Amino acid sequence: MDTKKLNFFFLRLPLAISLLGHGLVRLPKLQAFSEWMVGSMEKSVLPAALVTPFSYALPIIEAAIGLLLLIGFQLRYTFYAGLALMSILILGSSSIENWGAIEAQLIHAVYFAVLLWWHEK
């Protein structure tokens, strides 16, 4: 493996582990996670009819993006998916004024953007 590919793998690794970890720890307790998320979004303008299915899909999406980052499959589209996911999460966090969560989501988004830029070079 050449140095550039190895460097790029290690640059992706923290983001991959973060997303994979988020997804994998939530999957065994999916019902409880969904109930927590729906409850935390009660004051949001977003309807429960959207929040509930999203709460079930989120851990799967996080784990899938993390795994794709880890193995390096279709990276451009994986970066786009990660940026889209972070945008959706920022919208949800904004709707309940969870500014602390937005900071973490923005950091993830910037990380995705930098990796996308690096990948395109």
PDB file of N, CA and C in Angstrom:
ATOM      1  N   MET A   1       0.857  -1.178   0.000  1.00  0.00           N
ATOM      2  CA  MET A   1       0.000   0.000   0.000  1.00  0.00           C
ATOM      3  C   MET A   1       0.900   1.237   0.000  1.00  0.00           C
ATOM      4  N   ASP A   2       0.584   2.193  -0.888  1.00  0.00           N
ATOM      5  CA  ASP A   2       1.432   3.378  -0.933  1.00  0.00           C
ATOM      6  C   ASP A   2       1.102   4.330   0.219  1.00  0.00           C
ATOM      7  N   THR A   3       1.995   5.242   0.454  1.00  0.00           N
ATOM      8  CA  THR A   3       1.897   6.146   1.599  1.00  0.00           C
ATOM      9  C   THR A   3       0.647   7.013   1.549  1.00  0.00           C
ATOM     10  N   LYS A   4       0.284   7.515   0.382  1.00  0.00           N
ATOM     11  CA  LYS A   4      -0.899   8.372   0.275  1.00  0.00           C
ATOM     12  C   LYS A   4      -2.166   7.615   0.664  1.00  0.00           C
ATOM     13  N   LYS A   5      -2.296   6.376   0.210  1.00  0.00           N
ATOM     14  CA  LYS A   5      -3.477   5.575   0.559  1.00  0.00           C
ATOM     15  C   LYS A   5      -3.491   5.249   2.044  1.00  0.00           C
ATOM     16  N   LEU A   6      -2.344   4.964   2.584  1.00  0.00           N
ATOM     17  CA  LEU A   6      -2.260   4.663   4.010  1.00  0.00           C
ATOM     18  C   LEU A   6      -2.606   5.895   4.849  1.00  0.00           C
ATOM     19  N   ASN A   7      -2.064   7.044   4.458  1.00  0.00           N
ATOM     20  CA  ASN A   7      -2.382   8.299   5.146  1.00  0.00           C
ATOM     21  C   ASN A   7      -3.883   8.586   5.088  1.00  0.00           C
ATOM     22  N   PHE A   8      -4.454   8.388   3.920  1.00  0.00           N
ATOM     23  CA  PHE A   8      -5.885   8.675   3.751  1.00  0.00           C
ATOM     24  C   PHE A   8      -6.732   7.720   4.584  1.00  0.00           C
ATOM     25  N   PHE A   9      -6.302   6.475   4.685  1.00  0.00           N
ATOM     26  CA  PHE A   9      -7.013   5.526   5.542  1.00  0.00           C
ATOM     27  C   PHE A   9      -6.997   6.010   6.997  1.00  0.00           C
ATOM     28  N   PHE A  10      -5.832   6.409   7.474  1.00  0.00           N
ATOM     29  CA  PHE A  10      -5.732   6.842   8.869  1.00  0.00           C
ATOM     30  C   PHE A  10      -6.423   8.187   9.113  1.00  0.00           C
ATOM     31  N   LEU A  11      -6.568   9.003   8.086  1.00  0.00           N
ATOM     32  CA  LEU A  11      -7.355  10.229   8.224  1.00  0.00           C
ATOM     33  C   LEU A  11      -8.852   9.916   8.305  1.00  0.00           C
ATOM     34  N   ARG A  12      -9.296   8.885   7.590  1.00  0.00           N
ATOM     35  CA  ARG A  12     -10.710   8.476   7.634  1.00  0.00           C
ATOM     36  C   ARG A  12     -11.056   7.720   8.902  1.00  0.00           C
ATOM     37  N   LEU A  13     -10.081   7.050   9.481  1.00  0.00           N
ATOM     38  CA  LEU A  13     -10.323   6.122  10.579  1.00  0.00           C
ATOM     39  C   LEU A  13     -11.088   6.724  11.764  1.00  0.00           C
ATOM     40  N   PRO A  14     -10.711   7.878  12.309  1.00  0.00           N
ATOM     41  CA  PRO A  14     -11.471   8.400  13.455  1.00  0.00           C
ATOM     42  C   PRO A  14     -12.940   8.672  13.129  1.00  0.00           C
ATOM     43  N   LEU A  15     -13.212   9.211  11.964  1.00  0.00           N
ATOM     44  CA  LEU A  15     -14.592   9.491  11.570  1.00  0.00           C
ATOM     45  C   LEU A  15     -15.354   8.189  11.359  1.00  0.00           C
ATOM     46  N   ALA A  16     -14.711   7.230  10.739  1.00  0.00           N
ATOM     47  CA  ALA A  16     -15.337   5.924  10.520  1.00  0.00           C
ATOM     48  C   ALA A  16     -15.687   5.267  11.847  1.00  0.00           C
ATOM     49  N   ILE A  17     -14.760   5.276  12.794  1.00  0.00           N
ATOM     50  CA  ILE A  17     -14.992   4.655  14.093  1.00  0.00           C
ATOM     51  C   ILE A  17     -16.081   5.401  14.855  1.00  0.00           C
ATOM     52  N   SER A  18     -16.094   6.720  14.758  1.00  0.00           N
ATOM     53  CA  SER A  18     -17.132   7.506  15.430  1.00  0.00           C
ATOM     54  C   SER A  18     -18.522   7.111  14.941  1.00  0.00           C
ATOM     55  N   LEU A  19     -18.707   7.091  13.638  1.00  0.00           N
ATOM     56  CA  LEU A  19     -20.022   6.764  13.089  1.00  0.00           C
ATOM     57  C   LEU A  19     -20.380   5.298  13.284  1.00  0.00           C
ATOM     58  N   LEU A  20     -19.419   4.417  13.056  1.00  0.00           N
ATOM     59  CA  LEU A  20     -19.660   2.996  13.259  1.00  0.00           C
ATOM     60  C   LEU A  20     -20.023   2.732  14.720  1.00  0.00           C
ATOM     61  N   GLY A  21     -19.289   3.354  15.625  1.00  0.00           N
ATOM     62  CA  GLY A  21     -19.577   3.199  17.047  1.00  0.00           C
ATOM     63  C   GLY A  21     -20.943   3.725  17.430  1.00  0.00           C
ATOM     64  N   HIS A  22     -21.300   4.916  16.922  1.00  0.00           N
ATOM     65  CA  HIS A  22     -22.630   5.470  17.195  1.00  0.00           C
ATOM     66  C   HIS A  22     -23.715   4.487  16.782  1.00  0.00           C
ATOM     67  N   GLY A  23     -23.569   3.948  15.587  1.00  0.00           N
ATOM     68  CA  GLY A  23     -24.582   3.029  15.077  1.00  0.00           C
ATOM     69  C   GLY A  23     -24.620   1.710  15.824  1.00  0.00           C
ATOM     70  N   LEU A  24     -23.458   1.114  16.050  1.00  0.00           N
ATOM     71  CA  LEU A  24     -23.420  -0.217  16.650  1.00  0.00           C
ATOM     72  C   LEU A  24     -23.885  -0.248  18.097  1.00  0.00           C
ATOM     73  N   VAL A  25     -23.594   0.796  18.866  1.00  0.00           N
ATOM     74  CA  VAL A  25     -24.047   0.775  20.269  1.00  0.00           C
ATOM     75  C   VAL A  25     -25.554   0.995  20.380  1.00  0.00           C
ATOM     76  N   ARG A  26     -26.136   1.612  19.371  1.00  0.00           N
ATOM     77  CA  ARG A  26     -27.581   1.876  19.401  1.00  0.00           C
ATOM     78  C   ARG A  26     -28.411   0.720  18.860  1.00  0.00           C
ATOM     79  N   LEU A  27     -27.838  -0.085  17.994  1.00  0.00           N
ATOM     80  CA  LEU A  27     -28.608  -1.166  17.365  1.00  0.00           C
ATOM     81  C   LEU A  27     -29.196  -2.160  18.365  1.00  0.00           C
ATOM     82  N   PRO A  28     -28.457  -2.615  19.368  1.00  0.00           N
ATOM     83  CA  PRO A  28     -29.046  -3.586  20.298  1.00  0.00           C
ATOM     84  C   PRO A  28     -30.181  -3.001  21.150  1.00  0.00           C
ATOM     85  N   LYS A  29     -30.207  -1.704  21.288  1.00  0.00           N
ATOM     86  CA  LYS A  29     -31.252  -1.040  22.082  1.00  0.00           C
ATOM     87  C   LYS A  29     -32.054  -0.072  21.202  1.00  0.00           C
ATOM     88  N   LEU A  30     -32.387  -0.519  20.013  1.00  0.00           N
ATOM     89  CA  LEU A  30     -33.021   0.326  19.012  1.00  0.00           C
ATOM     90  C   LEU A  30     -34.349   0.901  19.488  1.00  0.00           C
ATOM     91  N   GLN A  31     -35.169   0.091  20.127  1.00  0.00           N
ATOM     92  CA  GLN A  31     -36.469   0.560  20.629  1.00  0.00           C
ATOM     93  C   GLN A  31     -36.276   1.673  21.656  1.00  0.00           C
ATOM     94  N   ALA A  32     -35.391   1.456  22.606  1.00  0.00           N
ATOM     95  CA  ALA A  32     -35.142   2.462  23.645  1.00  0.00           C
ATOM     96  C   ALA A  32     -34.553   3.730  23.035  1.00  0.00           C
ATOM     97  N   PHE A  33     -33.634   3.574  22.062  1.00  0.00           N
ATOM     98  CA  PHE A  33     -33.067   4.744  21.402  1.00  0.00           C
ATOM     99  C   PHE A  33     -34.151   5.523  20.674  1.00  0.00           C
ATOM    100  N   SER A  34     -35.021   4.825  19.972  1.00  0.00           N
ATOM    101  CA  SER A  34     -36.103   5.482  19.247  1.00  0.00           C
ATOM    102  C   SER A  34     -37.019   6.246  20.204  1.00  0.00           C
ATOM    103  N   GLU A  35     -37.385   5.610  21.303  1.00  0.00           N
ATOM    104  CA  GLU A  35     -38.250   6.274  22.282  1.00  0.00           C
ATOM    105  C   GLU A  35     -37.574   7.518  22.855  1.00  0.00           C
ATOM    106  N   TRP A  36     -36.276   7.413  23.143  1.00  0.00           N
ATOM    107  CA  TRP A  36     -35.537   8.573  23.650  1.00  0.00           C
ATOM    108  C   TRP A  36     -35.530   9.706  22.620  1.00  0.00           C
ATOM    109  N   MET A  37     -35.239   9.363  21.374  1.00  0.00           N
ATOM    110  CA  MET A  37     -35.144  10.395  20.335  1.00  0.00           C
ATOM    111  C   MET A  37     -36.500  11.061  20.107  1.00  0.00           C
ATOM    112  N   VAL A  38     -37.547  10.267  20.017  1.00  0.00           N
ATOM    113  CA  VAL A  38     -38.887  10.828  19.819  1.00  0.00           C
ATOM    114  C   VAL A  38     -39.246  11.729  20.999  1.00  0.00           C
ATOM    115  N   GLY A  39     -38.924  11.284  22.208  1.00  0.00           N
ATOM    116  CA  GLY A  39     -39.190  12.100  23.390  1.00  0.00           C
ATOM    117  C   GLY A  39     -38.406  13.393  23.390  1.00  0.00           C
ATOM    118  N   SER A  40     -37.149  13.333  22.975  1.00  0.00           N
ATOM    119  CA  SER A  40     -36.321  14.547  22.963  1.00  0.00           C
ATOM    120  C   SER A  40     -36.760  15.520  21.875  1.00  0.00           C
ATOM    121  N   MET A  41     -37.454  15.020  20.867  1.00  0.00           N
ATOM    122  CA  MET A  41     -37.895  15.882  19.758  1.00  0.00           C
ATOM    123  C   MET A  41     -39.341  16.352  19.912  1.00  0.00           C
ATOM    124  N   GLU A  42     -39.961  16.089  21.076  1.00  0.00           N
ATOM    125  CA  GLU A  42     -41.360  16.472  21.274  1.00  0.00           C
ATOM    126  C   GLU A  42     -41.601  17.964  21.098  1.00  0.00           C
ATOM    127  N   LYS A  43     -40.643  18.788  21.515  1.00  0.00           N
ATOM    128  CA  LYS A  43     -40.798  20.247  21.418  1.00  0.00           C
ATOM    129  C   LYS A  43     -40.403  20.785  20.046  1.00  0.00           C
ATOM    130  N   SER A  44     -40.000  19.901  19.177  1.00  0.00           N
ATOM    131  CA  SER A  44     -39.574  20.283  17.841  1.00  0.00           C
ATOM    132  C   SER A  44     -40.778  20.553  16.948  1.00  0.00           C
ATOM    133  N   VAL A  45     -40.533  21.292  15.890  1.00  0.00           N
ATOM    134  CA  VAL A  45     -41.575  21.503  14.883  1.00  0.00           C
ATOM    135  C   VAL A  45     -41.688  20.296  13.953  1.00  0.00           C
ATOM    136  N   LEU A  46     -40.724  19.391  14.059  1.00  0.00           N
ATOM    137  CA  LEU A  46     -40.734  18.199  13.207  1.00  0.00           C
ATOM    138  C   LEU A  46     -41.783  17.217  13.722  1.00  0.00           C
ATOM    139  N   PRO A  47     -42.631  16.707  12.850  1.00  0.00           N
ATOM    140  CA  PRO A  47     -43.683  15.794  13.298  1.00  0.00           C
ATOM    141  C   PRO A  47     -43.134  14.428  13.710  1.00  0.00           C
ATOM    142  N   ALA A  48     -43.765  13.836  14.721  1.00  0.00           N
ATOM    143  CA  ALA A  48     -43.359  12.512  15.200  1.00  0.00           C
ATOM    144  C   ALA A  48     -43.417  11.479  14.079  1.00  0.00           C
ATOM    145  N   ALA A  49     -44.306  11.699  13.107  1.00  0.00           N
ATOM    146  CA  ALA A  49     -44.423  10.777  11.976  1.00  0.00           C
ATOM    147  C   ALA A  49     -43.132  10.732  11.148  1.00  0.00           C
ATOM    148  N   LEU A  50     -42.314  11.777  11.214  1.00  0.00           N
ATOM    149  CA  LEU A  50     -41.003  11.774  10.544  1.00  0.00           C
ATOM    150  C   LEU A  50     -39.892  11.335  11.496  1.00  0.00           C
ATOM    151  N   VAL A  51     -40.004  11.770  12.744  1.00  0.00           N
ATOM    152  CA  VAL A  51     -38.951  11.485  13.718  1.00  0.00           C
ATOM    153  C   VAL A  51     -38.875   9.989  14.023  1.00  0.00           C
ATOM    154  N   THR A  52     -40.014   9.340  14.171  1.00  0.00           N
ATOM    155  CA  THR A  52     -40.018   7.919  14.551  1.00  0.00           C
ATOM    156  C   THR A  52     -39.299   7.036  13.528  1.00  0.00           C
ATOM    157  N   PRO A  53     -39.650   7.081  12.243  1.00  0.00           N
ATOM    158  CA  PRO A  53     -38.911   6.220  11.299  1.00  0.00           C
ATOM    159  C   PRO A  53     -37.429   6.606  11.196  1.00  0.00           C
ATOM    160  N   PHE A  54     -37.153   7.901  11.293  1.00  0.00           N
ATOM    161  CA  PHE A  54     -35.767   8.344  11.229  1.00  0.00           C
ATOM    162  C   PHE A  54     -34.975   7.799  12.423  1.00  0.00           C
ATOM    163  N   SER A  55     -35.613   7.752  13.589  1.00  0.00           N
ATOM    164  CA  SER A  55     -34.921   7.261  14.789  1.00  0.00           C
ATOM    165  C   SER A  55     -34.559   5.786  14.666  1.00  0.00           C
ATOM    166  N   TYR A  56     -35.346   5.039  13.938  1.00  0.00           N
ATOM    167  CA  TYR A  56     -35.024   3.625  13.701  1.00  0.00           C
ATOM    168  C   TYR A  56     -33.953   3.476  12.617  1.00  0.00           C
ATOM    169  N   ALA A  57     -33.973   4.356  11.640  1.00  0.00           N
ATOM    170  CA  ALA A  57     -33.017   4.272  10.535  1.00  0.00           C
ATOM    171  C   ALA A  57     -31.643   4.833  10.897  1.00  0.00           C
ATOM    172  N   LEU A  58     -31.605   5.818  11.786  1.00  0.00           N
ATOM    173  CA  LEU A  58     -30.359   6.521  12.083  1.00  0.00           C
ATOM    174  C   LEU A  58     -29.208   5.597  12.489  1.00  0.00           C
ATOM    175  N   PRO A  59     -29.375   4.696  13.445  1.00  0.00           N
ATOM    176  CA  PRO A  59     -28.237   3.836  13.805  1.00  0.00           C
ATOM    177  C   PRO A  59     -27.749   2.973  12.643  1.00  0.00           C
ATOM    178  N   ILE A  60     -28.656   2.535  11.805  1.00  0.00           N
ATOM    179  CA  ILE A  60     -28.274   1.726  10.643  1.00  0.00           C
ATOM    180  C   ILE A  60     -27.489   2.580   9.654  1.00  0.00           C
ATOM    181  N   ILE A  61     -27.958   3.796   9.424  1.00  0.00           N
ATOM    182  CA  ILE A  61     -27.274   4.713   8.507  1.00  0.00           C
ATOM    183  C   ILE A  61     -25.891   5.071   9.042  1.00  0.00           C
ATOM    184  N   GLU A  62     -25.817   5.376  10.336  1.00  0.00           N
ATOM    185  CA  GLU A  62     -24.521   5.710  10.939  1.00  0.00           C
ATOM    186  C   GLU A  62     -23.543   4.547  10.804  1.00  0.00           C
ATOM    187  N   ALA A  63     -23.995   3.351  11.147  1.00  0.00           N
ATOM    188  CA  ALA A  63     -23.124   2.178  11.062  1.00  0.00           C
ATOM    189  C   ALA A  63     -22.699   1.918   9.620  1.00  0.00           C
ATOM    190  N   ALA A  64     -23.620   2.072   8.684  1.00  0.00           N
ATOM    191  CA  ALA A  64     -23.299   1.826   7.272  1.00  0.00           C
ATOM    192  C   ALA A  64     -22.270   2.834   6.761  1.00  0.00           C
ATOM    193  N   ILE A  65     -22.469   4.103   7.062  1.00  0.00           N
ATOM    194  CA  ILE A  65     -21.505   5.123   6.617  1.00  0.00           C
ATOM    195  C   ILE A  65     -20.151   4.867   7.267  1.00  0.00           C
ATOM    196  N   GLY A  66     -20.151   4.550   8.553  1.00  0.00           N
ATOM    197  CA  GLY A  66     -18.889   4.244   9.236  1.00  0.00           C
ATOM    198  C   GLY A  66     -18.169   3.073   8.608  1.00  0.00           C
ATOM    199  N   LEU A  67     -18.910   2.013   8.306  1.00  0.00           N
ATOM    200  CA  LEU A  67     -18.309   0.826   7.689  1.00  0.00           C
ATOM    201  C   LEU A  67     -17.776   1.140   6.294  1.00  0.00           C
ATOM    202  N   LEU A  68     -18.553   1.894   5.506  1.00  0.00           N
ATOM    203  CA  LEU A  68     -18.100   2.260   4.159  1.00  0.00           C
ATOM    204  C   LEU A  68     -16.837   3.119   4.212  1.00  0.00           C
ATOM    205  N   LEU A  69     -16.767   4.019   5.186  1.00  0.00           N
ATOM    206  CA  LEU A  69     -15.551   4.820   5.363  1.00  0.00           C
ATOM    207  C   LEU A  69     -14.363   3.927   5.721  1.00  0.00           C
ATOM    208  N   LEU A  70     -14.621   2.979   6.593  1.00  0.00           N
ATOM    209  CA  LEU A  70     -13.572   2.090   7.066  1.00  0.00           C
ATOM    210  C   LEU A  70     -12.990   1.250   5.930  1.00  0.00           C
ATOM    211  N   ILE A  71     -13.857   0.706   5.093  1.00  0.00           N
ATOM    212  CA  ILE A  71     -13.369  -0.162   4.015  1.00  0.00           C
ATOM    213  C   ILE A  71     -13.011   0.609   2.746  1.00  0.00           C
ATOM    214  N   GLY A  72     -13.393   1.893   2.702  1.00  0.00           N
ATOM    215  CA  GLY A  72     -13.024   2.725   1.558  1.00  0.00           C
ATOM    216  C   GLY A  72     -13.859   2.496   0.315  1.00  0.00           C
ATOM    217  N   PHE A  73     -15.115   2.100   0.491  1.00  0.00           N
ATOM    218  CA  PHE A  73     -15.984   1.794  -0.642  1.00  0.00           C
ATOM    219  C   PHE A  73     -16.754   3.036  -1.078  1.00  0.00           C
ATOM    220  N   GLN A  74     -16.692   3.353  -2.365  1.00  0.00           N
ATOM    221  CA  GLN A  74     -17.441   4.470  -2.954  1.00  0.00           C
ATOM    222  C   GLN A  74     -17.322   5.723  -2.084  1.00  0.00           C
ATOM    223  N   LEU A  75     -16.094   6.148  -1.841  1.00  0.00           N
ATOM    224  CA  LEU A  75     -15.857   7.203  -0.855  1.00  0.00           C
ATOM    225  C   LEU A  75     -16.530   8.529  -1.180  1.00  0.00           C
ATOM    226  N   ARG A  76     -16.528   8.933  -2.416  1.00  0.00           N
ATOM    227  CA  ARG A  76     -17.160  10.219  -2.740  1.00  0.00           C
ATOM    228  C   ARG A  76     -18.625  10.202  -2.304  1.00  0.00           C
ATOM    229  N   TYR A  77     -19.347   9.138  -2.630  1.00  0.00           N
ATOM    230  CA  TYR A  77     -20.755   9.049  -2.273  1.00  0.00           C
ATOM    231  C   TYR A  77     -20.940   8.861  -0.765  1.00  0.00           C
ATOM    232  N   THR A  78     -19.991   8.185  -0.138  1.00  0.00           N
ATOM    233  CA  THR A  78     -20.040   8.032   1.313  1.00  0.00           C
ATOM    234  C   THR A  78     -19.851   9.383   1.988  1.00  0.00           C
ATOM    235  N   PHE A  79     -18.944  10.207   1.476  1.00  0.00           N
ATOM    236  CA  PHE A  79     -18.760  11.550   2.033  1.00  0.00           C
ATOM    237  C   PHE A  79     -20.027  12.392   1.843  1.00  0.00           C
ATOM    238  N   TYR A  80     -20.634  12.297   0.669  1.00  0.00           N
ATOM    239  CA  TYR A  80     -21.888  13.021   0.434  1.00  0.00           C
ATOM    240  C   TYR A  80     -22.980  12.548   1.397  1.00  0.00           C
ATOM    241  N   ALA A  81     -23.076  11.238   1.579  1.00  0.00           N
ATOM    242  CA  ALA A  81     -24.079  10.694   2.509  1.00  0.00           C
ATOM    243  C   ALA A  81     -23.818  11.186   3.926  1.00  0.00           C
ATOM    244  N   GLY A  82     -22.561  11.221   4.339  1.00  0.00           N
ATOM    245  CA  GLY A  82     -22.216  11.716   5.668  1.00  0.00           C
ATOM    246  C   GLY A  82     -22.561  13.182   5.829  1.00  0.00           C
ATOM    247  N   LEU A  83     -22.281  13.977   4.808  1.00  0.00           N
ATOM    248  CA  LEU A  83     -22.630  15.404   4.865  1.00  0.00           C
ATOM    249  C   LEU A  83     -24.142  15.601   4.903  1.00  0.00           C
ATOM    250  N   ALA A  84     -24.870  14.822   4.138  1.00  0.00           N
ATOM    251  CA  ALA A  84     -26.333  14.902   4.162  1.00  0.00           C
ATOM    252  C   ALA A  84     -26.863  14.508   5.538  1.00  0.00           C
ATOM    253  N   LEU A  85     -26.324  13.426   6.099  1.00  0.00           N
ATOM    254  CA  LEU A  85     -26.756  12.990   7.425  1.00  0.00           C
ATOM    255  C   LEU A  85     -26.481  14.066   8.467  1.00  0.00           C
ATOM    256  N   MET A  86     -25.302  14.646   8.445  1.00  0.00           N
ATOM    257  CA  MET A  86     -24.984  15.696   9.416  1.00  0.00           C
ATOM    258  C   MET A  86     -25.915  16.894   9.245  1.00  0.00           C
ATOM    259  N   SER A  87     -26.272  17.221   8.019  1.00  0.00           N
ATOM    260  CA  SER A  87     -27.202  18.326   7.772  1.00  0.00           C
ATOM    261  C   SER A  87     -28.573  18.032   8.375  1.00  0.00           C
ATOM    262  N   ILE A  88     -29.043  16.809   8.219  1.00  0.00           N
ATOM    263  CA  ILE A  88     -30.334  16.413   8.800  1.00  0.00           C
ATOM    264  C   ILE A  88     -30.263  16.462  10.325  1.00  0.00           C
ATOM    265  N   LEU A  89     -29.168  15.968  10.887  1.00  0.00           N
ATOM    266  CA  LEU A  89     -29.011  15.995  12.340  1.00  0.00           C
ATOM    267  C   LEU A  89     -28.936  17.429  12.865  1.00  0.00           C
ATOM    268  N   ILE A  90     -28.265  18.312  12.133  1.00  0.00           N
ATOM    269  CA  ILE A  90     -28.186  19.723  12.529  1.00  0.00           C
ATOM    270  C   ILE A  90     -29.568  20.362  12.489  1.00  0.00           C
ATOM    271  N   LEU A  91     -30.356  20.038  11.476  1.00  0.00           N
ATOM    272  CA  LEU A  91     -31.728  20.549  11.414  1.00  0.00           C
ATOM    273  C   LEU A  91     -32.522  20.108  12.643  1.00  0.00           C
ATOM    274  N   GLY A  92     -32.433  18.829  12.984  1.00  0.00           N
ATOM    275  CA  GLY A  92     -33.146  18.321  14.146  1.00  0.00           C
ATOM    276  C   GLY A  92     -32.668  18.964  15.433  1.00  0.00           C
ATOM    277  N   SER A  93     -31.358  19.069  15.597  1.00  0.00           N
ATOM    278  CA  SER A  93     -30.811  19.685  16.807  1.00  0.00           C
ATOM    279  C   SER A  93     -31.184  21.157  16.902  1.00  0.00           C
ATOM    280  N   SER A  94     -31.197  21.844  15.770  1.00  0.00           N
ATOM    281  CA  SER A  94     -31.603  23.257  15.760  1.00  0.00           C
ATOM    282  C   SER A  94     -33.055  23.411  16.181  1.00  0.00           C
ATOM    283  N   SER A  95     -33.879  22.474  15.756  1.00  0.00           N
ATOM    284  CA  SER A  95     -35.314  22.591  16.041  1.00  0.00           C
ATOM    285  C   SER A  95     -35.635  22.443  17.530  1.00  0.00           C
ATOM    286  N   ILE A  96     -34.694  21.861  18.299  1.00  0.00           N
ATOM    287  CA  ILE A  96     -34.905  21.768  19.752  1.00  0.00           C
ATOM    288  C   ILE A  96     -33.856  22.598  20.508  1.00  0.00           C
ATOM    289  N   GLU A  97     -33.142  23.434  19.783  1.00  0.00           N
ATOM    290  CA  GLU A  97     -32.133  24.325  20.357  1.00  0.00           C
ATOM    291  C   GLU A  97     -31.066  23.579  21.156  1.00  0.00           C
ATOM    292  N   ASN A  98     -30.622  22.449  20.624  1.00  0.00           N
ATOM    293  CA  ASN A  98     -29.558  21.669  21.257  1.00  0.00           C
ATOM    294  C   ASN A  98     -28.230  22.098  20.637  1.00  0.00           C
ATOM    295  N   TRP A  99     -27.761  23.256  21.074  1.00  0.00           N
ATOM    296  CA  TRP A  99     -26.582  23.862  20.457  1.00  0.00           C
ATOM    297  C   TRP A  99     -25.322  23.035  20.685  1.00  0.00           C
ATOM    298  N   GLY A 100     -25.220  22.333  21.797  1.00  0.00           N
ATOM    299  CA  GLY A 100     -24.054  21.481  22.059  1.00  0.00           C
ATOM    300  C   GLY A 100     -23.931  20.358  21.050  1.00  0.00           C
ATOM    301  N   ALA A 101     -25.050  19.755  20.702  1.00  0.00           N
ATOM    302  CA  ALA A 101     -25.024  18.676  19.705  1.00  0.00           C
ATOM    303  C   ALA A 101     -24.636  19.217  18.334  1.00  0.00           C
ATOM    304  N   ILE A 102     -25.077  20.426  18.043  1.00  0.00           N
ATOM    305  CA  ILE A 102     -24.760  21.022  16.739  1.00  0.00           C
ATOM    306  C   ILE A 102     -23.254  21.197  16.579  1.00  0.00           C
ATOM    307  N   GLU A 103     -22.574  21.571  17.654  1.00  0.00           N
ATOM    308  CA  GLU A 103     -21.119  21.723  17.568  1.00  0.00           C
ATOM    309  C   GLU A 103     -20.467  20.416  17.129  1.00  0.00           C
ATOM    310  N   ALA A 104     -20.849  19.314  17.746  1.00  0.00           N
ATOM    311  CA  ALA A 104     -20.277  18.013  17.382  1.00  0.00           C
ATOM    312  C   ALA A 104     -20.646  17.642  15.947  1.00  0.00           C
ATOM    313  N   GLN A 105     -21.872  17.931  15.558  1.00  0.00           N
ATOM    314  CA  GLN A 105     -22.315  17.600  14.201  1.00  0.00           C
ATOM    315  C   GLN A 105     -21.579  18.455  13.167  1.00  0.00           C
ATOM    316  N   LEU A 106     -21.326  19.725  13.498  1.00  0.00           N
ATOM    317  CA  LEU A 106     -20.566  20.583  12.590  1.00  0.00           C
ATOM    318  C   LEU A 106     -19.122  20.103  12.457  1.00  0.00           C
ATOM    319  N   ILE A 107     -18.544  19.648  13.549  1.00  0.00           N
ATOM    320  CA  ILE A 107     -17.180  19.118  13.483  1.00  0.00           C
ATOM    321  C   ILE A 107     -17.144  17.900  12.568  1.00  0.00           C
ATOM    322  N   HIS A 108     -18.124  17.010  12.716  1.00  0.00           N
ATOM    323  CA  HIS A 108     -18.211  15.855  11.819  1.00  0.00           C
ATOM    324  C   HIS A 108     -18.366  16.314  10.363  1.00  0.00           C
ATOM    325  N   ALA A 109     -19.218  17.324  10.139  1.00  0.00           N
ATOM    326  CA  ALA A 109     -19.457  17.812   8.778  1.00  0.00           C
ATOM    327  C   ALA A 109     -18.183  18.401   8.179  1.00  0.00           C
ATOM    328  N   VAL A 110     -17.454  19.179   8.957  1.00  0.00           N
ATOM    329  CA  VAL A 110     -16.202  19.757   8.458  1.00  0.00           C
ATOM    330  C   VAL A 110     -15.206  18.636   8.153  1.00  0.00           C
ATOM    331  N   TYR A 111     -15.158  17.640   9.003  1.00  0.00           N
ATOM    332  CA  TYR A 111     -14.270  16.495   8.793  1.00  0.00           C
ATOM    333  C   TYR A 111     -14.632  15.795   7.471  1.00  0.00           C
ATOM    334  N   PHE A 112     -15.929  15.573   7.244  1.00  0.00           N
ATOM    335  CA  PHE A 112     -16.363  14.979   5.976  1.00  0.00           C
ATOM    336  C   PHE A 112     -15.938  15.850   4.800  1.00  0.00           C
ATOM    337  N   ALA A 113     -16.117  17.169   4.922  1.00  0.00           N
ATOM    338  CA  ALA A 113     -15.784  18.083   3.829  1.00  0.00           C
ATOM    339  C   ALA A 113     -14.289  18.056   3.525  1.00  0.00           C
ATOM    340  N   VAL A 114     -13.467  18.035   4.558  1.00  0.00           N
ATOM    341  CA  VAL A 114     -12.021  17.984   4.354  1.00  0.00           C
ATOM    342  C   VAL A 114     -11.627  16.672   3.673  1.00  0.00           C
ATOM    343  N   LEU A 115     -12.212  15.571   4.121  1.00  0.00           N
ATOM    344  CA  LEU A 115     -11.905  14.284   3.488  1.00  0.00           C
ATOM    345  C   LEU A 115     -12.370  14.253   2.033  1.00  0.00           C
ATOM    346  N   LEU A 116     -13.526  14.831   1.765  1.00  0.00           N
ATOM    347  CA  LEU A 116     -14.006  14.905   0.385  1.00  0.00           C
ATOM    348  C   LEU A 116     -13.033  15.723  -0.468  1.00  0.00           C
ATOM    349  N   TRP A 117     -12.610  16.863   0.057  1.00  0.00           N
ATOM    350  CA  TRP A 117     -11.655  17.705  -0.662  1.00  0.00           C
ATOM    351  C   TRP A 117     -10.369  16.939  -0.928  1.00  0.00           C
ATOM    352  N   TRP A 118      -9.855  16.271   0.108  1.00  0.00           N
ATOM    353  CA  TRP A 118      -8.611  15.494  -0.026  1.00  0.00           C
ATOM    354  C   TRP A 118      -8.782  14.396  -1.076  1.00  0.00           C
ATOM    355  N   HIS A 119      -9.928  13.737  -1.030  1.00  0.00           N
ATOM    356  CA  HIS A 119     -10.203  12.636  -1.963  1.00  0.00           C
ATOM    357  C   HIS A 119     -10.247  13.127  -3.406  1.00  0.00           C
ATOM    358  N   GLU A 120     -10.751  14.324  -3.612  1.00  0.00           N
ATOM    359  CA  GLU A 120     -10.873  14.864  -4.963  1.00  0.00           C
ATOM    360  C   GLU A 120      -9.515  15.324  -5.513  1.00  0.00           C
ATOM    361  N   LYS A 121      -8.562  15.577  -4.642  1.00  0.00           N
ATOM    362  CA  LYS A 121      -7.225  16.047  -5.073  1.00  0.00           C
ATOM    363  C   LYS A 121      -6.388  14.909  -5.609  1.00  0.00           C
TER     364      LYS A 121
END
